[in-house]
Amino acid sequence: MHELGLCEDIVGAVERRAGDRPVARVRVRVGRLHHVHEDAFEQSFAIAATGSVAEDATAELVIVPIRGHCPDCGSRFEADEPVLCCPECGELGVEQEGGDELILELIEYRS
């Protein structure tokens, strides 16, 4: 379950930014190419956050689709899986432009 390693890194980043301020919520944007499963992410975040400033914090996961474009016909598209050919013209030379993001987008502190 690679989600646990990913969440350990996220909690580490949260701790570096939060210092000793308790965290209520975090939001993470993850590209589809990371193959993160929402349920596994929630469980892994809870485990990784135990004993940290993010313990009992809510973790919101935003899945970012794979984006791409075809240099041949100019088509732009989004997909859930890697695309081997243009969905419009069938050209094989598509260029991928995303889906590998990993962004700690928000840290909300407890009041």
PDB file of N, CA and C in Angstrom:
ATOM      1  N   MET A   1       0.861  -1.178   0.000  1.00  0.00           N
ATOM      2  CA  MET A   1       0.000   0.000   0.000  1.00  0.00           C
ATOM      3  C   MET A   1       0.907   1.241   0.000  1.00  0.00           C
ATOM      4  N   HIS A   2       1.103   1.821  -1.167  1.00  0.00           N
ATOM      5  CA  HIS A   2       1.986   2.983  -1.285  1.00  0.00           C
ATOM      6  C   HIS A   2       1.378   4.252  -0.689  1.00  0.00           C
ATOM      7  N   GLU A   3       0.094   4.240  -0.413  1.00  0.00           N
ATOM      8  CA  GLU A   3      -0.553   5.404   0.190  1.00  0.00           C
ATOM      9  C   GLU A   3       0.050   5.758   1.544  1.00  0.00           C
ATOM     10  N   LEU A   4       0.477   4.750   2.314  1.00  0.00           N
ATOM     11  CA  LEU A   4       1.050   5.020   3.628  1.00  0.00           C
ATOM     12  C   LEU A   4       2.347   5.821   3.498  1.00  0.00           C
ATOM     13  N   GLY A   5       3.223   5.437   2.608  1.00  0.00           N
ATOM     14  CA  GLY A   5       4.460   6.191   2.389  1.00  0.00           C
ATOM     15  C   GLY A   5       4.179   7.610   1.910  1.00  0.00           C
ATOM     16  N   LEU A   6       3.220   7.730   1.030  1.00  0.00           N
ATOM     17  CA  LEU A   6       2.821   9.048   0.531  1.00  0.00           C
ATOM     18  C   LEU A   6       2.292   9.910   1.682  1.00  0.00           C
ATOM     19  N   CYS A   7       1.447   9.336   2.526  1.00  0.00           N
ATOM     20  CA  CYS A   7       0.879  10.084   3.650  1.00  0.00           C
ATOM     21  C   CYS A   7       1.928  10.437   4.696  1.00  0.00           C
ATOM     22  N   GLU A   8       2.910   9.574   4.903  1.00  0.00           N
ATOM     23  CA  GLU A   8       3.993   9.910   5.823  1.00  0.00           C
ATOM     24  C   GLU A   8       4.745  11.146   5.330  1.00  0.00           C
ATOM     25  N   ASP A   9       4.971  11.229   4.018  1.00  0.00           N
ATOM     26  CA  ASP A   9       5.629  12.407   3.443  1.00  0.00           C
ATOM     27  C   ASP A   9       4.750  13.650   3.588  1.00  0.00           C
ATOM     28  N   ILE A  10       3.452  13.489   3.380  1.00  0.00           N
ATOM     29  CA  ILE A  10       2.525  14.625   3.503  1.00  0.00           C
ATOM     30  C   ILE A  10       2.498  15.132   4.947  1.00  0.00           C
ATOM     31  N   VAL A  11       2.404  14.219   5.908  1.00  0.00           N
ATOM     32  CA  VAL A  11       2.396  14.608   7.330  1.00  0.00           C
ATOM     33  C   VAL A  11       3.704  15.306   7.680  1.00  0.00           C
ATOM     34  N   GLY A  12       4.814  14.828   7.145  1.00  0.00           N
ATOM     35  CA  GLY A  12       6.091  15.492   7.372  1.00  0.00           C
ATOM     36  C   GLY A  12       6.086  16.923   6.866  1.00  0.00           C
ATOM     37  N   ALA A  13       5.523  17.135   5.682  1.00  0.00           N
ATOM     38  CA  ALA A  13       5.418  18.488   5.124  1.00  0.00           C
ATOM     39  C   ALA A  13       4.490  19.357   5.960  1.00  0.00           C
ATOM     40  N   VAL A  14       3.388  18.769   6.437  1.00  0.00           N
ATOM     41  CA  VAL A  14       2.454  19.512   7.289  1.00  0.00           C
ATOM     42  C   VAL A  14       3.160  19.931   8.581  1.00  0.00           C
ATOM     43  N   GLU A  15       3.900  19.029   9.183  1.00  0.00           N
ATOM     44  CA  GLU A  15       4.594  19.342  10.443  1.00  0.00           C
ATOM     45  C   GLU A  15       5.632  20.455  10.247  1.00  0.00           C
ATOM     46  N   ARG A  16       6.350  20.430   9.136  1.00  0.00           N
ATOM     47  CA  ARG A  16       7.346  21.487   8.881  1.00  0.00           C
ATOM     48  C   ARG A  16       6.680  22.854   8.759  1.00  0.00           C
ATOM     49  N   ARG A  17       5.501  22.906   8.165  1.00  0.00           N
ATOM     50  CA  ARG A  17       4.814  24.186   7.986  1.00  0.00           C
ATOM     51  C   ARG A  17       4.034  24.617   9.221  1.00  0.00           C
ATOM     52  N   ALA A  18       3.473  23.642   9.932  1.00  0.00           N
ATOM     53  CA  ALA A  18       2.600  23.956  11.066  1.00  0.00           C
ATOM     54  C   ALA A  18       3.372  24.229  12.350  1.00  0.00           C
ATOM     55  N   GLY A  19       4.575  23.722  12.451  1.00  0.00           N
ATOM     56  CA  GLY A  19       5.291  23.850  13.720  1.00  0.00           C
ATOM     57  C   GLY A  19       4.550  23.060  14.779  1.00  0.00           C
ATOM     58  N   ASP A  20       4.175  23.737  15.871  1.00  0.00           N
ATOM     59  CA  ASP A  20       3.422  23.031  16.908  1.00  0.00           C
ATOM     60  C   ASP A  20       1.951  23.445  16.952  1.00  0.00           C
ATOM     61  N   ARG A  21       1.490  24.118  15.892  1.00  0.00           N
ATOM     62  CA  ARG A  21       0.060  24.482  15.809  1.00  0.00           C
ATOM     63  C   ARG A  21      -0.759  23.257  15.409  1.00  0.00           C
ATOM     64  N   PRO A  22      -1.820  22.930  16.138  1.00  0.00           N
ATOM     65  CA  PRO A  22      -2.636  21.766  15.792  1.00  0.00           C
ATOM     66  C   PRO A  22      -3.415  21.997  14.486  1.00  0.00           C
ATOM     67  N   VAL A  23      -3.462  20.965  13.677  1.00  0.00           N
ATOM     68  CA  VAL A  23      -4.073  21.031  12.344  1.00  0.00           C
ATOM     69  C   VAL A  23      -5.453  20.389  12.374  1.00  0.00           C
ATOM     70  N   ALA A  24      -6.424  21.062  11.765  1.00  0.00           N
ATOM     71  CA  ALA A  24      -7.790  20.543  11.688  1.00  0.00           C
ATOM     72  C   ALA A  24      -8.057  19.842  10.362  1.00  0.00           C
ATOM     73  N   ARG A  25      -7.432  20.352   9.270  1.00  0.00           N
ATOM     74  CA  ARG A  25      -7.764  19.820   7.946  1.00  0.00           C
ATOM     75  C   ARG A  25      -6.622  20.089   6.986  1.00  0.00           C
ATOM     76  N   VAL A  26      -6.421  19.146   6.073  1.00  0.00           N
ATOM     77  CA  VAL A  26      -5.487  19.355   4.973  1.00  0.00           C
ATOM     78  C   VAL A  26      -6.183  18.957   3.676  1.00  0.00           C
ATOM     79  N   ARG A  27      -5.728  19.576   2.588  1.00  0.00           N
ATOM     80  CA  ARG A  27      -6.226  19.195   1.259  1.00  0.00           C
ATOM     81  C   ARG A  27      -5.010  18.923   0.381  1.00  0.00           C
ATOM     82  N   VAL A  28      -5.048  17.789  -0.301  1.00  0.00           N
ATOM     83  CA  VAL A  28      -3.940  17.362  -1.142  1.00  0.00           C
ATOM     84  C   VAL A  28      -4.472  17.082  -2.545  1.00  0.00           C
ATOM     85  N   ARG A  29      -3.785  17.641  -3.552  1.00  0.00           N
ATOM     86  CA  ARG A  29      -4.105  17.369  -4.958  1.00  0.00           C
ATOM     87  C   ARG A  29      -3.124  16.317  -5.454  1.00  0.00           C
ATOM     88  N   VAL A  30      -3.676  15.210  -5.957  1.00  0.00           N
ATOM     89  CA  VAL A  30      -2.854  14.089  -6.413  1.00  0.00           C
ATOM     90  C   VAL A  30      -3.274  13.715  -7.829  1.00  0.00           C
ATOM     91  N   GLY A  31      -2.287  13.624  -8.705  1.00  0.00           N
ATOM     92  CA  GLY A  31      -2.560  13.240 -10.087  1.00  0.00           C
ATOM     93  C   GLY A  31      -2.937  11.771 -10.205  1.00  0.00           C
ATOM     94  N   ARG A  32      -3.763  11.476 -11.187  1.00  0.00           N
ATOM     95  CA  ARG A  32      -4.265  10.126 -11.444  1.00  0.00           C
ATOM     96  C   ARG A  32      -3.145   9.099 -11.617  1.00  0.00           C
ATOM     97  N   LEU A  33      -1.988   9.536 -12.130  1.00  0.00           N
ATOM     98  CA  LEU A  33      -0.895   8.596 -12.374  1.00  0.00           C
ATOM     99  C   LEU A  33      -0.310   8.008 -11.097  1.00  0.00           C
ATOM    100  N   HIS A  34      -0.607   8.621  -9.942  1.00  0.00           N
ATOM    101  CA  HIS A  34      -0.127   8.075  -8.665  1.00  0.00           C
ATOM    102  C   HIS A  34      -0.974   6.887  -8.197  1.00  0.00           C
ATOM    103  N   HIS A  35      -2.135   6.677  -8.831  1.00  0.00           N
ATOM    104  CA  HIS A  35      -3.022   5.552  -8.516  1.00  0.00           C
ATOM    105  C   HIS A  35      -3.350   5.485  -7.024  1.00  0.00           C
ATOM    106  N   VAL A  36      -3.724   6.614  -6.446  1.00  0.00           N
ATOM    107  CA  VAL A  36      -4.091   6.682  -5.027  1.00  0.00           C
ATOM    108  C   VAL A  36      -5.575   6.355  -4.889  1.00  0.00           C
ATOM    109  N   HIS A  37      -5.875   5.451  -3.982  1.00  0.00           N
ATOM    110  CA  HIS A  37      -7.260   5.081  -3.703  1.00  0.00           C
ATOM    111  C   HIS A  37      -7.737   5.866  -2.486  1.00  0.00           C
ATOM    112  N   GLU A  38      -8.909   6.453  -2.593  1.00  0.00           N
ATOM    113  CA  GLU A  38      -9.402   7.369  -1.562  1.00  0.00           C
ATOM    114  C   GLU A  38      -9.512   6.717  -0.185  1.00  0.00           C
ATOM    115  N   ASP A  39     -10.091   5.526  -0.115  1.00  0.00           N
ATOM    116  CA  ASP A  39     -10.242   4.865   1.189  1.00  0.00           C
ATOM    117  C   ASP A  39      -8.880   4.547   1.804  1.00  0.00           C
ATOM    118  N   ALA A  40      -7.970   4.033   0.997  1.00  0.00           N
ATOM    119  CA  ALA A  40      -6.626   3.713   1.495  1.00  0.00           C
ATOM    120  C   ALA A  40      -5.905   4.988   1.921  1.00  0.00           C
ATOM    121  N   PHE A  41      -6.133   6.088   1.201  1.00  0.00           N
ATOM    122  CA  PHE A  41      -5.513   7.359   1.552  1.00  0.00           C
ATOM    123  C   PHE A  41      -6.002   7.841   2.915  1.00  0.00           C
ATOM    124  N   GLU A  42      -7.308   7.793   3.142  1.00  0.00           N
ATOM    125  CA  GLU A  42      -7.869   8.247   4.421  1.00  0.00           C
ATOM    126  C   GLU A  42      -7.311   7.430   5.579  1.00  0.00           C
ATOM    127  N   GLN A  43      -7.274   6.112   5.435  1.00  0.00           N
ATOM    128  CA  GLN A  43      -6.751   5.252   6.493  1.00  0.00           C
ATOM    129  C   GLN A  43      -5.257   5.502   6.711  1.00  0.00           C
ATOM    130  N   SER A  44      -4.526   5.632   5.628  1.00  0.00           N
ATOM    131  CA  SER A  44      -3.083   5.858   5.720  1.00  0.00           C
ATOM    132  C   SER A  44      -2.766   7.205   6.351  1.00  0.00           C
ATOM    133  N   PHE A  45      -3.552   8.222   6.014  1.00  0.00           N
ATOM    134  CA  PHE A  45      -3.320   9.532   6.609  1.00  0.00           C
ATOM    135  C   PHE A  45      -3.549   9.474   8.117  1.00  0.00           C
ATOM    136  N   ALA A  46      -4.601   8.796   8.537  1.00  0.00           N
ATOM    137  CA  ALA A  46      -4.888   8.671   9.975  1.00  0.00           C
ATOM    138  C   ALA A  46      -3.738   7.964  10.693  1.00  0.00           C
ATOM    139  N   ILE A  47      -3.188   6.931  10.089  1.00  0.00           N
ATOM    140  CA  ILE A  47      -2.065   6.204  10.698  1.00  0.00           C
ATOM    141  C   ILE A  47      -0.827   7.099  10.744  1.00  0.00           C
ATOM    142  N   ALA A  48      -0.509   7.742   9.623  1.00  0.00           N
ATOM    143  CA  ALA A  48       0.695   8.578   9.538  1.00  0.00           C
ATOM    144  C   ALA A  48       0.610   9.789  10.468  1.00  0.00           C
ATOM    145  N   ALA A  49      -0.597  10.297  10.692  1.00  0.00           N
ATOM    146  CA  ALA A  49      -0.775  11.508  11.501  1.00  0.00           C
ATOM    147  C   ALA A  49      -0.787  11.232  13.005  1.00  0.00           C
ATOM    148  N   THR A  50      -0.890   9.971  13.398  1.00  0.00           N
ATOM    149  CA  THR A  50      -0.933   9.623  14.817  1.00  0.00           C
ATOM    150  C   THR A  50       0.305  10.170  15.533  1.00  0.00           C
ATOM    151  N   GLY A  51       0.047  10.925  16.616  1.00  0.00           N
ATOM    152  CA  GLY A  51       1.126  11.498  17.408  1.00  0.00           C
ATOM    153  C   GLY A  51       1.720  12.772  16.834  1.00  0.00           C
ATOM    154  N   SER A  52       1.151  13.281  15.756  1.00  0.00           N
ATOM    155  CA  SER A  52       1.661  14.516  15.135  1.00  0.00           C
ATOM    156  C   SER A  52       0.661  15.657  15.334  1.00  0.00           C
ATOM    157  N   VAL A  53       1.025  16.834  14.856  1.00  0.00           N
ATOM    158  CA  VAL A  53       0.111  17.982  14.944  1.00  0.00           C
ATOM    159  C   VAL A  53      -1.130  17.773  14.079  1.00  0.00           C
ATOM    160  N   ALA A  54      -1.064  16.782  13.175  1.00  0.00           N
ATOM    161  CA  ALA A  54      -2.202  16.501  12.292  1.00  0.00           C
ATOM    162  C   ALA A  54      -3.073  15.350  12.786  1.00  0.00           C
ATOM    163  N   GLU A  55      -2.797  14.870  14.005  1.00  0.00           N
ATOM    164  CA  GLU A  55      -3.623  13.793  14.542  1.00  0.00           C
ATOM    165  C   GLU A  55      -5.074  14.258  14.625  1.00  0.00           C
ATOM    166  N   ASP A  56      -5.987  13.421  14.174  1.00  0.00           N
ATOM    167  CA  ASP A  56      -7.434  13.700  14.126  1.00  0.00           C
ATOM    168  C   ASP A  56      -7.812  14.748  13.086  1.00  0.00           C
ATOM    169  N   ALA A  57      -6.877  15.179  12.249  1.00  0.00           N
ATOM    170  CA  ALA A  57      -7.206  16.123  11.177  1.00  0.00           C
ATOM    171  C   ALA A  57      -7.927  15.388  10.057  1.00  0.00           C
ATOM    172  N   THR A  58      -8.765  16.109   9.347  1.00  0.00           N
ATOM    173  CA  THR A  58      -9.436  15.589   8.167  1.00  0.00           C
ATOM    174  C   THR A  58      -8.516  15.777   6.968  1.00  0.00           C
ATOM    175  N   ALA A  59      -8.397  14.749   6.150  1.00  0.00           N
ATOM    176  CA  ALA A  59      -7.571  14.833   4.944  1.00  0.00           C
ATOM    177  C   ALA A  59      -8.481  14.764   3.724  1.00  0.00           C
ATOM    178  N   GLU A  60      -8.491  15.818   2.953  1.00  0.00           N
ATOM    179  CA  GLU A  60      -9.303  15.875   1.738  1.00  0.00           C
ATOM    180  C   GLU A  60      -8.397  15.573   0.548  1.00  0.00           C
ATOM    181  N   LEU A  61      -8.817  14.630  -0.266  1.00  0.00           N
ATOM    182  CA  LEU A  61      -8.048  14.215  -1.429  1.00  0.00           C
ATOM    183  C   LEU A  61      -8.741  14.710  -2.689  1.00  0.00           C
ATOM    184  N   VAL A  62      -8.020  15.437  -3.523  1.00  0.00           N
ATOM    185  CA  VAL A  62      -8.540  15.901  -4.808  1.00  0.00           C
ATOM    186  C   VAL A  62      -7.748  15.179  -5.894  1.00  0.00           C
ATOM    187  N   ILE A  63      -8.427  14.360  -6.672  1.00  0.00           N
ATOM    188  CA  ILE A  63      -7.770  13.602  -7.737  1.00  0.00           C
ATOM    189  C   ILE A  63      -7.764  14.457  -9.011  1.00  0.00           C
ATOM    190  N   VAL A  64      -6.582  14.626  -9.585  1.00  0.00           N
ATOM    191  CA  VAL A  64      -6.402  15.442 -10.790  1.00  0.00           C
ATOM    192  C   VAL A  64      -6.282  14.503 -11.991  1.00  0.00           C
ATOM    193  N   PRO A  65      -7.099  14.722 -13.032  1.00  0.00           N
ATOM    194  CA  PRO A  65      -7.029  13.839 -14.195  1.00  0.00           C
ATOM    195  C   PRO A  65      -5.740  14.039 -15.000  1.00  0.00           C
ATOM    196  N   ILE A  66      -5.454  13.068 -15.831  1.00  0.00           N
ATOM    197  CA  ILE A  66      -4.352  13.176 -16.775  1.00  0.00           C
ATOM    198  C   ILE A  66      -4.824  14.108 -17.886  1.00  0.00           C
ATOM    199  N   ARG A  67      -3.987  15.076 -18.230  1.00  0.00           N
ATOM    200  CA  ARG A  67      -4.308  15.985 -19.333  1.00  0.00           C
ATOM    201  C   ARG A  67      -3.316  15.746 -20.455  1.00  0.00           C
ATOM    202  N   GLY A  68      -3.760  16.015 -21.652  1.00  0.00           N
ATOM    203  CA  GLY A  68      -2.863  15.844 -22.780  1.00  0.00           C
ATOM    204  C   GLY A  68      -3.353  16.611 -23.984  1.00  0.00           C
ATOM    205  N   HIS A  69      -2.508  16.611 -24.999  1.00  0.00           N
ATOM    206  CA  HIS A  69      -2.921  17.225 -26.262  1.00  0.00           C
ATOM    207  C   HIS A  69      -2.242  16.513 -27.418  1.00  0.00           C
ATOM    208  N   CYS A  70      -2.846  16.667 -28.560  1.00  0.00           N
ATOM    209  CA  CYS A  70      -2.347  16.055 -29.776  1.00  0.00           C
ATOM    210  C   CYS A  70      -1.709  17.140 -30.635  1.00  0.00           C
ATOM    211  N   PRO A  71      -0.413  17.061 -30.896  1.00  0.00           N
ATOM    212  CA  PRO A  71       0.230  18.067 -31.731  1.00  0.00           C
ATOM    213  C   PRO A  71      -0.223  17.987 -33.196  1.00  0.00           C
ATOM    214  N   ASP A  72      -0.791  16.858 -33.579  1.00  0.00           N
ATOM    215  CA  ASP A  72      -1.217  16.679 -34.967  1.00  0.00           C
ATOM    216  C   ASP A  72      -2.524  17.417 -35.274  1.00  0.00           C
ATOM    217  N   CYS A  73      -3.556  17.197 -34.433  1.00  0.00           N
ATOM    218  CA  CYS A  73      -4.860  17.828 -34.702  1.00  0.00           C
ATOM    219  C   CYS A  73      -5.180  18.965 -33.739  1.00  0.00           C
ATOM    220  N   GLY A  74      -4.365  19.129 -32.677  1.00  0.00           N
ATOM    221  CA  GLY A  74      -4.583  20.215 -31.726  1.00  0.00           C
ATOM    222  C   GLY A  74      -5.595  19.907 -30.634  1.00  0.00           C
ATOM    223  N   SER A  75      -6.127  18.715 -30.621  1.00  0.00           N
ATOM    224  CA  SER A  75      -7.127  18.332 -29.617  1.00  0.00           C
ATOM    225  C   SER A  75      -6.516  18.327 -28.218  1.00  0.00           C
ATOM    226  N   ARG A  76      -7.286  18.789 -27.228  1.00  0.00           N
ATOM    227  CA  ARG A  76      -6.897  18.719 -25.819  1.00  0.00           C
ATOM    228  C   ARG A  76      -7.898  17.800 -25.137  1.00  0.00           C
ATOM    229  N   PHE A  77      -7.419  17.028 -24.165  1.00  0.00           N
ATOM    230  CA  PHE A  77      -8.294  16.045 -23.534  1.00  0.00           C
ATOM    231  C   PHE A  77      -7.873  15.781 -22.097  1.00  0.00           C
ATOM    232  N   GLU A  78      -8.783  15.155 -21.335  1.00  0.00           N
ATOM    233  CA  GLU A  78      -8.528  14.675 -19.983  1.00  0.00           C
ATOM    234  C   GLU A  78      -8.885  13.199 -19.953  1.00  0.00           C
ATOM    235  N   ALA A  79      -8.167  12.454 -19.100  1.00  0.00           N
ATOM    236  CA  ALA A  79      -8.418  11.012 -19.017  1.00  0.00           C
ATOM    237  C   ALA A  79      -8.105  10.517 -17.610  1.00  0.00           C
ATOM    238  N   ASP A  80      -8.625   9.344 -17.293  1.00  0.00           N
ATOM    239  CA  ASP A  80      -8.351   8.698 -16.012  1.00  0.00           C
ATOM    240  C   ASP A  80      -7.187   7.723 -16.107  1.00  0.00           C
ATOM    241  N   GLU A  81      -6.836   7.308 -17.295  1.00  0.00           N
ATOM    242  CA  GLU A  81      -5.732   6.386 -17.550  1.00  0.00           C
ATOM    243  C   GLU A  81      -4.816   7.003 -18.600  1.00  0.00           C
ATOM    244  N   PRO A  82      -3.552   6.593 -18.652  1.00  0.00           N
ATOM    245  CA  PRO A  82      -2.663   7.103 -19.702  1.00  0.00           C
ATOM    246  C   PRO A  82      -3.257   6.872 -21.084  1.00  0.00           C
ATOM    247  N   VAL A  83      -3.087   7.844 -21.949  1.00  0.00           N
ATOM    248  CA  VAL A  83      -3.655   7.799 -23.293  1.00  0.00           C
ATOM    249  C   VAL A  83      -2.536   7.519 -24.287  1.00  0.00           C
ATOM    250  N   LEU A  84      -2.730   6.496 -25.105  1.00  0.00           N
ATOM    251  CA  LEU A  84      -1.711   6.117 -26.071  1.00  0.00           C
ATOM    252  C   LEU A  84      -1.902   6.778 -27.431  1.00  0.00           C
ATOM    253  N   CYS A  85      -3.150   7.125 -27.741  1.00  0.00           N
ATOM    254  CA  CYS A  85      -3.401   7.796 -29.020  1.00  0.00           C
ATOM    255  C   CYS A  85      -4.483   8.858 -28.836  1.00  0.00           C
ATOM    256  N   CYS A  86      -4.514   9.794 -29.738  1.00  0.00           N
ATOM    257  CA  CYS A  86      -5.470  10.902 -29.669  1.00  0.00           C
ATOM    258  C   CYS A  86      -6.897  10.381 -29.765  1.00  0.00           C
ATOM    259  N   PRO A  87      -7.760  10.771 -28.836  1.00  0.00           N
ATOM    260  CA  PRO A  87      -9.149  10.323 -28.892  1.00  0.00           C
ATOM    261  C   PRO A  87      -9.919  10.925 -30.069  1.00  0.00           C
ATOM    262  N   GLU A  88      -9.388  11.968 -30.687  1.00  0.00           N
ATOM    263  CA  GLU A  88     -10.055  12.613 -31.828  1.00  0.00           C
ATOM    264  C   GLU A  88      -9.608  12.050 -33.167  1.00  0.00           C
ATOM    265  N   CYS A  89      -8.270  11.995 -33.376  1.00  0.00           N
ATOM    266  CA  CYS A  89      -7.782  11.625 -34.708  1.00  0.00           C
ATOM    267  C   CYS A  89      -7.036  10.286 -34.742  1.00  0.00           C
ATOM    268  N   GLY A  90      -6.735   9.709 -33.576  1.00  0.00           N
ATOM    269  CA  GLY A  90      -6.053   8.426 -33.530  1.00  0.00           C
ATOM    270  C   GLY A  90      -4.535   8.511 -33.624  1.00  0.00           C
ATOM    271  N   GLU A  91      -3.979   9.708 -33.735  1.00  0.00           N
ATOM    272  CA  GLU A  91      -2.523   9.901 -33.819  1.00  0.00           C
ATOM    273  C   GLU A  91      -1.853   9.323 -32.568  1.00  0.00           C
ATOM    274  N   LEU A  92      -0.703   8.678 -32.749  1.00  0.00           N
ATOM    275  CA  LEU A  92       0.000   8.050 -31.634  1.00  0.00           C
ATOM    276  C   LEU A  92       0.913   9.011 -30.881  1.00  0.00           C
ATOM    277  N   GLY A  93       1.214  10.155 -31.420  1.00  0.00           N
ATOM    278  CA  GLY A  93       2.164  11.073 -30.800  1.00  0.00           C
ATOM    279  C   GLY A  93       1.563  12.063 -29.825  1.00  0.00           C
ATOM    280  N   VAL A  94       0.672  11.623 -28.956  1.00  0.00           N
ATOM    281  CA  VAL A  94       0.067  12.542 -27.994  1.00  0.00           C
ATOM    282  C   VAL A  94       1.078  12.929 -26.922  1.00  0.00           C
ATOM    283  N   GLU A  95       0.917  14.108 -26.359  1.00  0.00           N
ATOM    284  CA  GLU A  95       1.794  14.604 -25.309  1.00  0.00           C
ATOM    285  C   GLU A  95       1.001  14.735 -24.012  1.00  0.00           C
ATOM    286  N   GLN A  96       1.510  14.091 -22.984  1.00  0.00           N
ATOM    287  CA  GLN A  96       0.865  14.140 -21.674  1.00  0.00           C
ATOM    288  C   GLN A  96       1.280  15.407 -20.949  1.00  0.00           C
ATOM    289  N   GLU A  97       0.317  16.062 -20.292  1.00  0.00           N
ATOM    290  CA  GLU A  97       0.577  17.331 -19.614  1.00  0.00           C
ATOM    291  C   GLU A  97       0.098  17.331 -18.174  1.00  0.00           C
ATOM    292  N   GLY A  98       0.119  16.268 -17.528  1.00  0.00           N
ATOM    293  CA  GLY A  98      -0.310  16.256 -16.142  1.00  0.00           C
ATOM    294  C   GLY A  98      -0.721  14.881 -15.702  1.00  0.00           C
ATOM    295  N   GLY A  99      -1.230  14.826 -14.490  1.00  0.00           N
ATOM    296  CA  GLY A  99      -1.639  13.566 -13.908  1.00  0.00           C
ATOM    297  C   GLY A  99      -0.636  13.049 -12.897  1.00  0.00           C
ATOM    298  N   ASP A 100       0.522  13.746 -12.797  1.00  0.00           N
ATOM    299  CA  ASP A 100       1.550  13.319 -11.852  1.00  0.00           C
ATOM    300  C   ASP A 100       1.733  14.320 -10.712  1.00  0.00           C
ATOM    301  N   GLU A 101       0.785  15.225 -10.538  1.00  0.00           N
ATOM    302  CA  GLU A 101       0.861  16.246  -9.495  1.00  0.00           C
ATOM    303  C   GLU A 101       0.802  15.630  -8.104  1.00  0.00           C
ATOM    304  N   LEU A 102       1.459  16.299  -7.172  1.00  0.00           N
ATOM    305  CA  LEU A 102       1.344  15.984  -5.749  1.00  0.00           C
ATOM    306  C   LEU A 102       1.552  17.306  -5.016  1.00  0.00           C
ATOM    307  N   ILE A 103       0.435  17.919  -4.590  1.00  0.00           N
ATOM    308  CA  ILE A 103       0.477  19.275  -4.046  1.00  0.00           C
ATOM    309  C   ILE A 103      -0.253  19.318  -2.704  1.00  0.00           C
ATOM    310  N   LEU A 104       0.452  19.771  -1.679  1.00  0.00           N
ATOM    311  CA  LEU A 104      -0.188  20.066  -0.398  1.00  0.00           C
ATOM    312  C   LEU A 104      -0.822  21.434  -0.563  1.00  0.00           C
ATOM    313  N   GLU A 105      -2.116  21.446  -0.793  1.00  0.00           N
ATOM    314  CA  GLU A 105      -2.814  22.664  -1.207  1.00  0.00           C
ATOM    315  C   GLU A 105      -3.309  23.516  -0.044  1.00  0.00           C
ATOM    316  N   LEU A 106      -3.655  22.885   1.087  1.00  0.00           N
ATOM    317  CA  LEU A 106      -4.264  23.642   2.184  1.00  0.00           C
ATOM    318  C   LEU A 106      -3.920  23.003   3.523  1.00  0.00           C
ATOM    319  N   ILE A 107      -3.625  23.838   4.477  1.00  0.00           N
ATOM    320  CA  ILE A 107      -3.515  23.424   5.874  1.00  0.00           C
ATOM    321  C   ILE A 107      -4.399  24.370   6.670  1.00  0.00           C
ATOM    322  N   GLU A 108      -5.391  23.811   7.346  1.00  0.00           N
ATOM    323  CA  GLU A 108      -6.292  24.607   8.182  1.00  0.00           C
ATOM    324  C   GLU A 108      -5.997  24.243   9.629  1.00  0.00           C
ATOM    325  N   TYR A 109      -5.787  25.265  10.435  1.00  0.00           N
ATOM    326  CA  TYR A 109      -5.415  25.043  11.833  1.00  0.00           C
ATOM    327  C   TYR A 109      -6.643  25.038  12.731  1.00  0.00           C
ATOM    328  N   ARG A 110      -6.527  24.354  13.856  1.00  0.00           N
ATOM    329  CA  ARG A 110      -7.605  24.360  14.859  1.00  0.00           C
ATOM    330  C   ARG A 110      -7.590  25.697  15.583  1.00  0.00           C
ATOM    331  N   SER A 111      -8.762  26.149  15.955  1.00  0.00           N
ATOM    332  CA  SER A 111      -8.828  27.421  16.694  1.00  0.00           C
ATOM    333  C   SER A 111      -8.954  27.198  18.172  1.00  0.00           C
TER     334      SER A 111
END
